[in-house]
PDB file of N, CA and C in Angstrom:
ATOM      1  N   MET A   1       0.816  -1.188   0.000  1.00  0.00           N
ATOM      2  CA  MET A   1       0.000   0.000   0.000  1.00  0.00           C
ATOM      3  C   MET A   1       0.863   1.257   0.000  1.00  0.00           C
ATOM      4  N   ALA A   2       1.928   1.258   0.779  1.00  0.00           N
ATOM      5  CA  ALA A   2       2.796   2.440   0.848  1.00  0.00           C
ATOM      6  C   ALA A   2       3.405   2.749  -0.507  1.00  0.00           C
ATOM      7  N   ILE A   3       3.866   1.711  -1.196  1.00  0.00           N
ATOM      8  CA  ILE A   3       4.462   1.907  -2.513  1.00  0.00           C
ATOM      9  C   ILE A   3       3.419   2.444  -3.486  1.00  0.00           C
ATOM     10  N   GLU A   4       2.211   1.943  -3.405  1.00  0.00           N
ATOM     11  CA  GLU A   4       1.141   2.420  -4.284  1.00  0.00           C
ATOM     12  C   GLU A   4       0.878   3.910  -4.066  1.00  0.00           C
ATOM     13  N   ILE A   5       0.893   4.337  -2.823  1.00  0.00           N
ATOM     14  CA  ILE A   5       0.611   5.738  -2.500  1.00  0.00           C
ATOM     15  C   ILE A   5       1.705   6.656  -3.036  1.00  0.00           C
ATOM     16  N   ILE A   6       2.950   6.262  -2.873  1.00  0.00           N
ATOM     17  CA  ILE A   6       4.048   7.161  -3.266  1.00  0.00           C
ATOM     18  C   ILE A   6       4.644   6.827  -4.628  1.00  0.00           C
ATOM     19  N   SER A   7       4.055   5.864  -5.341  1.00  0.00           N
ATOM     20  CA  SER A   7       4.633   5.464  -6.623  1.00  0.00           C
ATOM     21  C   SER A   7       4.466   6.518  -7.706  1.00  0.00           C
ATOM     22  N   SER A   8       3.510   7.382  -7.565  1.00  0.00           N
ATOM     23  CA  SER A   8       3.352   8.471  -8.526  1.00  0.00           C
ATOM     24  C   SER A   8       4.580   9.364  -8.465  1.00  0.00           C
ATOM     25  N   LYS A   9       5.070   9.743  -9.620  1.00  0.00           N
ATOM     26  CA  LYS A   9       6.264  10.586  -9.702  1.00  0.00           C
ATOM     27  C   LYS A   9       6.125  11.846  -8.859  1.00  0.00           C
ATOM     28  N   TRP A  10       4.929  12.405  -8.819  1.00  0.00           N
ATOM     29  CA  TRP A  10       4.742  13.699  -8.178  1.00  0.00           C
ATOM     30  C   TRP A  10       4.272  13.609  -6.733  1.00  0.00           C
ATOM     31  N   ALA A  11       3.873  12.440  -6.251  1.00  0.00           N
ATOM     32  CA  ALA A  11       3.334  12.317  -4.896  1.00  0.00           C
ATOM     33  C   ALA A  11       4.368  12.694  -3.836  1.00  0.00           C
ATOM     34  N   VAL A  12       5.546  12.112  -3.910  1.00  0.00           N
ATOM     35  CA  VAL A  12       6.575  12.376  -2.901  1.00  0.00           C
ATOM     36  C   VAL A  12       7.019  13.833  -2.976  1.00  0.00           C
ATOM     37  N   VAL A  13       7.163  14.340  -4.200  1.00  0.00           N
ATOM     38  CA  VAL A  13       7.587  15.732  -4.372  1.00  0.00           C
ATOM     39  C   VAL A  13       6.548  16.678  -3.779  1.00  0.00           C
ATOM     40  N   THR A  14       5.278  16.373  -3.994  1.00  0.00           N
ATOM     41  CA  THR A  14       4.194  17.201  -3.455  1.00  0.00           C
ATOM     42  C   THR A  14       4.173  17.138  -1.936  1.00  0.00           C
ATOM     43  N   LEU A  15       4.300  15.954  -1.377  1.00  0.00           N
ATOM     44  CA  LEU A  15       4.341  15.812   0.078  1.00  0.00           C
ATOM     45  C   LEU A  15       5.522  16.569   0.660  1.00  0.00           C
ATOM     46  N   PHE A  16       6.669  16.480   0.006  1.00  0.00           N
ATOM     47  CA  PHE A  16       7.862  17.196   0.474  1.00  0.00           C
ATOM     48  C   PHE A  16       7.629  18.706   0.425  1.00  0.00           C
ATOM     49  N   ALA A  17       7.006  19.178  -0.648  1.00  0.00           N
ATOM     50  CA  ALA A  17       6.738  20.616  -0.787  1.00  0.00           C
ATOM     51  C   ALA A  17       5.810  21.124   0.309  1.00  0.00           C
ATOM     52  N   LEU A  18       4.890  20.295   0.749  1.00  0.00           N
ATOM     53  CA  LEU A  18       3.936  20.701   1.781  1.00  0.00           C
ATOM     54  C   LEU A  18       4.486  20.550   3.196  1.00  0.00           C
ATOM     55  N   SER A  19       5.667  20.009   3.332  1.00  0.00           N
ATOM     56  CA  SER A  19       6.209  19.761   4.677  1.00  0.00           C
ATOM     57  C   SER A  19       6.519  21.047   5.442  1.00  0.00           C
ATOM     58  N   ASP A  20       6.676  22.159   4.741  1.00  0.00           N
ATOM     59  CA  ASP A  20       6.954  23.426   5.430  1.00  0.00           C
ATOM     60  C   ASP A  20       5.695  24.212   5.761  1.00  0.00           C
ATOM     61  N   GLY A  21       4.543  23.696   5.380  1.00  0.00           N
ATOM     62  CA  GLY A  21       3.299  24.382   5.708  1.00  0.00           C
ATOM     63  C   GLY A  21       2.361  24.477   4.522  1.00  0.00           C
ATOM     64  N   PRO A  22       1.164  25.013   4.756  1.00  0.00           N
ATOM     65  CA  PRO A  22       0.139  25.085   3.717  1.00  0.00           C
ATOM     66  C   PRO A  22       0.572  25.927   2.520  1.00  0.00           C
ATOM     67  N   LEU A  23       0.135  25.477   1.345  1.00  0.00           N
ATOM     68  CA  LEU A  23       0.420  26.203   0.107  1.00  0.00           C
ATOM     69  C   LEU A  23      -0.798  26.187  -0.807  1.00  0.00           C
ATOM     70  N   ARG A  24      -0.900  27.208  -1.631  1.00  0.00           N
ATOM     71  CA  ARG A  24      -1.949  27.260  -2.639  1.00  0.00           C
ATOM     72  C   ARG A  24      -1.488  26.475  -3.866  1.00  0.00           C
ATOM     73  N   HIS A  25      -2.449  26.152  -4.718  1.00  0.00           N
ATOM     74  CA  HIS A  25      -2.173  25.346  -5.912  1.00  0.00           C
ATOM     75  C   HIS A  25      -1.069  25.985  -6.763  1.00  0.00           C
ATOM     76  N   GLY A  26      -1.204  27.267  -7.055  1.00  0.00           N
ATOM     77  CA  GLY A  26      -0.213  27.965  -7.874  1.00  0.00           C
ATOM     78  C   GLY A  26       1.162  27.990  -7.239  1.00  0.00           C
ATOM     79  N   GLU A  27       1.198  28.122  -5.922  1.00  0.00           N
ATOM     80  CA  GLU A  27       2.479  28.108  -5.211  1.00  0.00           C
ATOM     81  C   GLU A  27       3.152  26.745  -5.339  1.00  0.00           C
ATOM     82  N   LEU A  28       2.337  25.681  -5.273  1.00  0.00           N
ATOM     83  CA  LEU A  28       2.879  24.333  -5.432  1.00  0.00           C
ATOM     84  C   LEU A  28       3.440  24.136  -6.837  1.00  0.00           C
ATOM     85  N   VAL A  29       2.712  24.610  -7.848  1.00  0.00           N
ATOM     86  CA  VAL A  29       3.189  24.477  -9.226  1.00  0.00           C
ATOM     87  C   VAL A  29       4.548  25.150  -9.376  1.00  0.00           C
ATOM     88  N   GLU A  30       4.679  26.356  -8.843  1.00  0.00           N
ATOM     89  CA  GLU A  30       5.947  27.087  -8.940  1.00  0.00           C
ATOM     90  C   GLU A  30       7.059  26.409  -8.145  1.00  0.00           C
ATOM     91  N   LEU A  31       6.740  25.980  -6.940  1.00  0.00           N
ATOM     92  CA  LEU A  31       7.746  25.372  -6.071  1.00  0.00           C
ATOM     93  C   LEU A  31       8.248  24.046  -6.633  1.00  0.00           C
ATOM     94  N   ILE A  32       7.338  23.236  -7.113  1.00  0.00           N
ATOM     95  CA  ILE A  32       7.704  21.913  -7.608  1.00  0.00           C
ATOM     96  C   ILE A  32       8.413  22.021  -8.955  1.00  0.00           C
ATOM     97  N   GLY A  33       7.867  22.800  -9.854  1.00  0.00           N
ATOM     98  CA  GLY A  33       8.473  22.942 -11.181  1.00  0.00           C
ATOM     99  C   GLY A  33       8.344  21.680 -12.008  1.00  0.00           C
ATOM    100  N   GLY A  34       7.938  21.832 -13.256  1.00  0.00           N
ATOM    101  CA  GLY A  34       7.849  20.691 -14.155  1.00  0.00           C
ATOM    102  C   GLY A  34       6.546  19.924 -14.092  1.00  0.00           C
ATOM    103  N   VAL A  35       5.700  20.216 -13.139  1.00  0.00           N
ATOM    104  CA  VAL A  35       4.416  19.525 -13.036  1.00  0.00           C
ATOM    105  C   VAL A  35       3.330  20.408 -13.647  1.00  0.00           C
ATOM    106  N   SER A  36       2.450  19.792 -14.427  1.00  0.00           N
ATOM    107  CA  SER A  36       1.344  20.557 -14.991  1.00  0.00           C
ATOM    108  C   SER A  36       0.278  20.763 -13.921  1.00  0.00           C
ATOM    109  N   ARG A  37      -0.546  21.764 -14.111  1.00  0.00           N
ATOM    110  CA  ARG A  37      -1.618  22.031 -13.149  1.00  0.00           C
ATOM    111  C   ARG A  37      -2.565  20.837 -13.051  1.00  0.00           C
ATOM    112  N   LYS A  38      -2.853  20.220 -14.192  1.00  0.00           N
ATOM    113  CA  LYS A  38      -3.763  19.070 -14.217  1.00  0.00           C
ATOM    114  C   LYS A  38      -3.188  17.891 -13.424  1.00  0.00           C
ATOM    115  N   VAL A  39      -1.922  17.586 -13.646  1.00  0.00           N
ATOM    116  CA  VAL A  39      -1.292  16.459 -12.940  1.00  0.00           C
ATOM    117  C   VAL A  39      -1.193  16.757 -11.449  1.00  0.00           C
ATOM    118  N   LEU A  40      -0.879  18.001 -11.099  1.00  0.00           N
ATOM    119  CA  LEU A  40      -0.827  18.356  -9.682  1.00  0.00           C
ATOM    120  C   LEU A  40      -2.197  18.197  -9.036  1.00  0.00           C
ATOM    121  N   THR A  41      -3.241  18.628  -9.723  1.00  0.00           N
ATOM    122  CA  THR A  41      -4.599  18.468  -9.195  1.00  0.00           C
ATOM    123  C   THR A  41      -4.916  16.994  -8.965  1.00  0.00           C
ATOM    124  N   GLN A  42      -4.567  16.143  -9.931  1.00  0.00           N
ATOM    125  CA  GLN A  42      -4.800  14.702  -9.781  1.00  0.00           C
ATOM    126  C   GLN A  42      -4.000  14.139  -8.609  1.00  0.00           C
ATOM    127  N   THR A  43      -2.773  14.585  -8.481  1.00  0.00           N
ATOM    128  CA  THR A  43      -1.920  14.116  -7.381  1.00  0.00           C
ATOM    129  C   THR A  43      -2.492  14.530  -6.038  1.00  0.00           C
ATOM    130  N   LEU A  44      -2.894  15.793  -5.926  1.00  0.00           N
ATOM    131  CA  LEU A  44      -3.481  16.281  -4.670  1.00  0.00           C
ATOM    132  C   LEU A  44      -4.751  15.518  -4.317  1.00  0.00           C
ATOM    133  N   ARG A  45      -5.583  15.245  -5.299  1.00  0.00           N
ATOM    134  CA  ARG A  45      -6.819  14.481  -5.034  1.00  0.00           C
ATOM    135  C   ARG A  45      -6.505  13.077  -4.543  1.00  0.00           C
ATOM    136  N   ARG A  46      -5.516  12.438  -5.177  1.00  0.00           N
ATOM    137  CA  ARG A  46      -5.138  11.080  -4.753  1.00  0.00           C
ATOM    138  C   ARG A  46      -4.589  11.098  -3.326  1.00  0.00           C
ATOM    139  N   LEU A  47      -3.789  12.117  -3.010  1.00  0.00           N
ATOM    140  CA  LEU A  47      -3.241  12.235  -1.652  1.00  0.00           C
ATOM    141  C   LEU A  47      -4.348  12.542  -0.645  1.00  0.00           C
ATOM    142  N   GLN A  48      -5.335  13.329  -1.051  1.00  0.00           N
ATOM    143  CA  GLN A  48      -6.495  13.589  -0.181  1.00  0.00           C
ATOM    144  C   GLN A  48      -7.274  12.301   0.054  1.00  0.00           C
ATOM    145  N   ASP A  49      -7.489  11.539  -1.020  1.00  0.00           N
ATOM    146  CA  ASP A  49      -8.250  10.283  -0.906  1.00  0.00           C
ATOM    147  C   ASP A  49      -7.576   9.289   0.034  1.00  0.00           C
ATOM    148  N   ASN A  50      -6.258   9.430   0.196  1.00  0.00           N
ATOM    149  CA  ASN A  50      -5.523   8.545   1.102  1.00  0.00           C
ATOM    150  C   ASN A  50      -5.315   9.157   2.477  1.00  0.00           C
ATOM    151  N   GLY A  51      -5.906  10.317   2.716  1.00  0.00           N
ATOM    152  CA  GLY A  51      -5.846  10.939   4.031  1.00  0.00           C
ATOM    153  C   GLY A  51      -4.530  11.620   4.356  1.00  0.00           C
ATOM    154  N   LEU A  52      -3.721  11.915   3.332  1.00  0.00           N
ATOM    155  CA  LEU A  52      -2.398  12.500   3.567  1.00  0.00           C
ATOM    156  C   LEU A  52      -2.377  14.013   3.417  1.00  0.00           C
ATOM    157  N   VAL A  53      -3.310  14.553   2.646  1.00  0.00           N
ATOM    158  CA  VAL A  53      -3.371  15.988   2.377  1.00  0.00           C
ATOM    159  C   VAL A  53      -4.779  16.483   2.646  1.00  0.00           C
ATOM    160  N   GLU A  54      -4.848  17.684   3.197  1.00  0.00           N
ATOM    161  CA  GLU A  54      -6.131  18.331   3.484  1.00  0.00           C
ATOM    162  C   GLU A  54      -6.287  19.535   2.559  1.00  0.00           C
ATOM    163  N   ARG A  55      -7.464  19.699   2.008  1.00  0.00           N
ATOM    164  CA  ARG A  55      -7.802  20.854   1.170  1.00  0.00           C
ATOM    165  C   ARG A  55      -8.700  21.763   1.983  1.00  0.00           C
ATOM    166  N   ARG A  56      -8.298  23.016   2.096  1.00  0.00           N
ATOM    167  CA  ARG A  56      -9.085  23.965   2.877  1.00  0.00           C
ATOM    168  C   ARG A  56      -9.468  25.147   1.988  1.00  0.00           C
ATOM    169  N   ALA A  57     -10.777  25.328   1.812  1.00  0.00           N
ATOM    170  CA  ALA A  57     -11.298  26.432   1.002  1.00  0.00           C
ATOM    171  C   ALA A  57     -11.763  27.545   1.930  1.00  0.00           C
ATOM    172  N   TYR A  58     -11.346  28.758   1.628  1.00  0.00           N
ATOM    173  CA  TYR A  58     -11.716  29.927   2.425  1.00  0.00           C
ATOM    174  C   TYR A  58     -12.812  30.703   1.698  1.00  0.00           C
ATOM    175  N   ALA A  59     -13.785  31.187   2.462  1.00  0.00           N
ATOM    176  CA  ALA A  59     -14.892  31.961   1.898  1.00  0.00           C
ATOM    177  C   ALA A  59     -14.441  33.407   1.708  1.00  0.00           C
ATOM    178  N   GLU A  60     -13.680  33.636   0.659  1.00  0.00           N
ATOM    179  CA  GLU A  60     -13.156  34.955   0.356  1.00  0.00           C
ATOM    180  C   GLU A  60     -13.406  35.260  -1.113  1.00  0.00           C
ATOM    181  N   ALA A  61     -13.264  36.515  -1.459  1.00  0.00           N
ATOM    182  CA  ALA A  61     -13.342  36.902  -2.864  1.00  0.00           C
ATOM    183  C   ALA A  61     -12.020  37.560  -3.227  1.00  0.00           C
ATOM    184  N   PRO A  62     -11.264  37.025  -4.128  1.00  0.00           N
ATOM    185  CA  PRO A  62     -11.488  35.770  -4.850  1.00  0.00           C
ATOM    186  C   PRO A  62     -11.276  34.571  -3.927  1.00  0.00           C
ATOM    187  N   PRO A  63     -11.856  33.439  -4.303  1.00  0.00           N
ATOM    188  CA  PRO A  63     -11.742  32.242  -3.467  1.00  0.00           C
ATOM    189  C   PRO A  63     -10.276  31.838  -3.273  1.00  0.00           C
ATOM    190  N   ARG A  64      -9.973  31.347  -2.097  1.00  0.00           N
ATOM    191  CA  ARG A  64      -8.616  30.890  -1.782  1.00  0.00           C
ATOM    192  C   ARG A  64      -8.697  29.464  -1.271  1.00  0.00           C
ATOM    193  N   VAL A  65      -7.834  28.617  -1.815  1.00  0.00           N
ATOM    194  CA  VAL A  65      -7.757  27.220  -1.403  1.00  0.00           C
ATOM    195  C   VAL A  65      -6.315  26.916  -1.047  1.00  0.00           C
ATOM    196  N   GLU A  66      -6.119  26.289   0.100  1.00  0.00           N
ATOM    197  CA  GLU A  66      -4.781  25.885   0.526  1.00  0.00           C
ATOM    198  C   GLU A  66      -4.752  24.386   0.786  1.00  0.00           C
ATOM    199  N   TYR A  67      -3.591  23.820   0.560  1.00  0.00           N
ATOM    200  CA  TYR A  67      -3.369  22.399   0.810  1.00  0.00           C
ATOM    201  C   TYR A  67      -2.318  22.261   1.901  1.00  0.00           C
ATOM    202  N   SER A  68      -2.532  21.299   2.777  1.00  0.00           N
ATOM    203  CA  SER A  68      -1.575  21.057   3.848  1.00  0.00           C
ATOM    204  C   SER A  68      -1.549  19.566   4.165  1.00  0.00           C
ATOM    205  N   LEU A  69      -0.495  19.160   4.848  1.00  0.00           N
ATOM    206  CA  LEU A  69      -0.395  17.765   5.274  1.00  0.00           C
ATOM    207  C   LEU A  69      -1.313  17.519   6.457  1.00  0.00           C
ATOM    208  N   THR A  70      -1.930  16.371   6.482  1.00  0.00           N
ATOM    209  CA  THR A  70      -2.690  15.936   7.647  1.00  0.00           C
ATOM    210  C   THR A  70      -1.697  15.349   8.653  1.00  0.00           C
ATOM    211  N   GLU A  71      -2.180  14.977   9.809  1.00  0.00           N
ATOM    212  CA  GLU A  71      -1.313  14.309  10.787  1.00  0.00           C
ATOM    213  C   GLU A  71      -0.735  13.029  10.185  1.00  0.00           C
ATOM    214  N   LEU A  72      -1.559  12.300   9.450  1.00  0.00           N
ATOM    215  CA  LEU A  72      -1.093  11.075   8.796  1.00  0.00           C
ATOM    216  C   LEU A  72      -0.036  11.411   7.744  1.00  0.00           C
ATOM    217  N   GLY A  73      -0.260  12.468   6.992  1.00  0.00           N
ATOM    218  CA  GLY A  73       0.718  12.898   5.994  1.00  0.00           C
ATOM    219  C   GLY A  73       2.045  13.282   6.616  1.00  0.00           C
ATOM    220  N   ARG A  74       1.996  13.888   7.793  1.00  0.00           N
ATOM    221  CA  ARG A  74       3.225  14.293   8.484  1.00  0.00           C
ATOM    222  C   ARG A  74       4.082  13.088   8.883  1.00  0.00           C
ATOM    223  N   THR A  75       3.462  11.924   9.020  1.00  0.00           N
ATOM    224  CA  THR A  75       4.239  10.732   9.373  1.00  0.00           C
ATOM    225  C   THR A  75       5.183  10.321   8.246  1.00  0.00           C
ATOM    226  N   LEU A  76       4.975  10.850   7.044  1.00  0.00           N
ATOM    227  CA  LEU A  76       5.858  10.537   5.916  1.00  0.00           C
ATOM    228  C   LEU A  76       7.019  11.523   5.777  1.00  0.00           C
ATOM    229  N   GLU A  77       7.034  12.572   6.584  1.00  0.00           N
ATOM    230  CA  GLU A  77       8.094  13.573   6.464  1.00  0.00           C
ATOM    231  C   GLU A  77       9.490  12.970   6.638  1.00  0.00           C
ATOM    232  N   GLU A  78       9.696  12.182   7.658  1.00  0.00           N
ATOM    233  CA  GLU A  78      11.014  11.612   7.918  1.00  0.00           C
ATOM    234  C   GLU A  78      11.445  10.637   6.820  1.00  0.00           C
ATOM    235  N   PRO A  79      10.587   9.683   6.424  1.00  0.00           N
ATOM    236  CA  PRO A  79      11.009   8.800   5.320  1.00  0.00           C
ATOM    237  C   PRO A  79      11.326   9.572   4.038  1.00  0.00           C
ATOM    238  N   ILE A  80      10.563  10.611   3.743  1.00  0.00           N
ATOM    239  CA  ILE A  80      10.823  11.402   2.538  1.00  0.00           C
ATOM    240  C   ILE A  80      12.136  12.159   2.676  1.00  0.00           C
ATOM    241  N   ARG A  81      12.414  12.680   3.861  1.00  0.00           N
ATOM    242  CA  ARG A  81      13.704  13.348   4.080  1.00  0.00           C
ATOM    243  C   ARG A  81      14.862  12.385   3.840  1.00  0.00           C
ATOM    244  N   ARG A  82      14.715  11.163   4.322  1.00  0.00           N
ATOM    245  CA  ARG A  82      15.772  10.166   4.139  1.00  0.00           C
ATOM    246  C   ARG A  82      15.965   9.831   2.664  1.00  0.00           C
ATOM    247  N   LEU A  83      14.872   9.690   1.928  1.00  0.00           N
ATOM    248  CA  LEU A  83      14.978   9.443   0.489  1.00  0.00           C
ATOM    249  C   LEU A  83      15.661  10.614  -0.217  1.00  0.00           C
ATOM    250  N   THR A  84      15.327  11.822   0.194  1.00  0.00           N
ATOM    251  CA  THR A  84      15.932  13.017  -0.393  1.00  0.00           C
ATOM    252  C   THR A  84      17.430  13.038  -0.115  1.00  0.00           C
ATOM    253  N   GLU A  85      17.815  12.730   1.101  1.00  0.00           N
ATOM    254  CA  GLU A  85      19.230  12.677   1.446  1.00  0.00           C
ATOM    255  C   GLU A  85      19.950  11.603   0.626  1.00  0.00           C
ATOM    256  N   TRP A  86      19.306  10.455   0.464  1.00  0.00           N
ATOM    257  CA  TRP A  86      19.898   9.388  -0.341  1.00  0.00           C
ATOM    258  C   TRP A  86      20.115   9.864  -1.772  1.00  0.00           C
ATOM    259  N   ALA A  87      19.113  10.534  -2.333  1.00  0.00           N
ATOM    260  CA  ALA A  87      19.222  11.029  -3.709  1.00  0.00           C
ATOM    261  C   ALA A  87      20.346  12.052  -3.841  1.00  0.00           C
ATOM    262  N   ARG A  88      20.464  12.924  -2.869  1.00  0.00           N
ATOM    263  CA  ARG A  88      21.546  13.926  -2.911  1.00  0.00           C
ATOM    264  C   ARG A  88      22.916  13.262  -2.811  1.00  0.00           C
ATOM    265  N   THR A  89      23.014  12.251  -1.980  1.00  0.00           N
ATOM    266  CA  THR A  89      24.285  11.559  -1.776  1.00  0.00           C
ATOM    267  C   THR A  89      24.647  10.661  -2.956  1.00  0.00           C
ATOM    268  N   ASN A  90      23.667   9.986  -3.528  1.00  0.00           N
ATOM    269  CA  ASN A  90      23.930   8.958  -4.531  1.00  0.00           C
ATOM    270  C   ASN A  90      23.483   9.295  -5.945  1.00  0.00           C
ATOM    271  N   GLY A  91      22.872  10.448  -6.124  1.00  0.00           N
ATOM    272  CA  GLY A  91      22.343  10.809  -7.440  1.00  0.00           C
ATOM    273  C   GLY A  91      23.396  10.808  -8.536  1.00  0.00           C
ATOM    274  N   GLU A  92      24.561  11.362  -8.242  1.00  0.00           N
ATOM    275  CA  GLU A  92      25.625  11.412  -9.244  1.00  0.00           C
ATOM    276  C   GLU A  92      26.099  10.010  -9.623  1.00  0.00           C
ATOM    277  N   ALA A  93      26.139   9.109  -8.666  1.00  0.00           N
ATOM    278  CA  ALA A  93      26.555   7.732  -8.945  1.00  0.00           C
ATOM    279  C   ALA A  93      25.546   7.040  -9.863  1.00  0.00           C
ATOM    280  N   VAL A  94      24.272   7.292  -9.658  1.00  0.00           N
ATOM    281  CA  VAL A  94      23.238   6.698 -10.509  1.00  0.00           C
ATOM    282  C   VAL A  94      23.356   7.247 -11.933  1.00  0.00           C
ATOM    283  N   VAL A  95      23.552   8.555 -12.059  1.00  0.00           N
ATOM    284  CA  VAL A  95      23.716   9.171 -13.376  1.00  0.00           C
ATOM    285  C   VAL A  95      24.954   8.603 -14.069  1.00  0.00           C
ATOM    286  N   ALA A  96      26.056   8.478 -13.349  1.00  0.00           N
ATOM    287  CA  ALA A  96      27.289   7.937 -13.916  1.00  0.00           C
ATOM    288  C   ALA A  96      27.084   6.502 -14.388  1.00  0.00           C
ATOM    289  N   PHE A  97      26.345   5.719 -13.624  1.00  0.00           N
ATOM    290  CA  PHE A  97      26.058   4.340 -14.020  1.00  0.00           C
ATOM    291  C   PHE A  97      25.281   4.307 -15.324  1.00  0.00           C
ATOM    292  N   HIS A  98      24.235   5.157 -15.418  1.00  0.00           N
ATOM    293  CA  HIS A  98      23.424   5.206 -16.646  1.00  0.00           C
ATOM    294  C   HIS A  98      24.282   5.613 -17.844  1.00  0.00           C
ATOM    295  N   GLU A  99      25.129   6.616 -17.652  1.00  0.00           N
ATOM    296  CA  GLU A  99      25.986   7.072 -18.747  1.00  0.00           C
ATOM    297  C   GLU A  99      26.953   5.965 -19.181  1.00  0.00           C
ATOM    298  N   ALA A 100      27.515   5.242 -18.236  1.00  0.00           N
ATOM    299  CA  ALA A 100      28.431   4.149 -18.559  1.00  0.00           C
ATOM    300  C   ALA A 100      27.705   3.042 -19.307  1.00  0.00           C
ATOM    301  N   THR A 101      26.486   2.758 -18.899  1.00  0.00           N
ATOM    302  CA  THR A 101      25.686   1.720 -19.553  1.00  0.00           C
ATOM    303  C   THR A 101      25.354   2.134 -20.977  1.00  0.00           C
ATOM    304  N   GLU A 102      25.012   3.395 -21.187  1.00  0.00           N
ATOM    305  CA  GLU A 102      24.702   3.877 -22.529  1.00  0.00           C
ATOM    306  C   GLU A 102      25.915   3.807 -23.435  1.00  0.00           C
ATOM    307  N   GLU A 103      27.107   4.102 -22.904  1.00  0.00           N
ATOM    308  CA  GLU A 103      28.333   4.026 -23.702  1.00  0.00           C
ATOM    309  C   GLU A 103      28.642   2.608 -24.143  1.00  0.00           C
ATOM    310  N   LYS A 104      28.343   1.638 -23.289  1.00  0.00           N
ATOM    311  CA  LYS A 104      28.568   0.226 -23.632  1.00  0.00           C
ATOM    312  C   LYS A 104      27.632  -0.201 -24.761  1.00  0.00           C
ATOM    313  N   ASP A 105      26.410   0.348 -24.759  1.00  0.00           N
ATOM    314  CA  ASP A 105      25.416  -0.044 -25.764  1.00  0.00           C
ATOM    315  C   ASP A 105      25.696   0.560 -27.130  1.00  0.00           C
ATOM    316  N   VAL A 106      26.557   1.585 -27.171  1.00  0.00           N
ATOM    317  CA  VAL A 106      26.839   2.247 -28.452  1.00  0.00           C
ATOM    318  C   VAL A 106      27.859   1.532 -29.250  1.00  0.00           C
TER     319      VAL A 106
END
């Protein structure tokens, strides 16, 4: 189940982006970079359906909607931090491996 929840390319990135506090949809798009508004909306809905993200709509003009981690979502902060640290530490090695493999295939 855990793998299913975070298997989406954008799920972990979205959860990580929300770890510092509530953000609006547009702020998430800018912060994450590379994600379309449609895909982000789908990702947020899936995370909401799993109880990890809360959507809060404010009765204002213009309407304001913010997304934040639920208590359950906050339980993923540490594992995501560890994955991020692993990627920072080992990312270059993975890229080097891919490049070496591509050179062998040529």
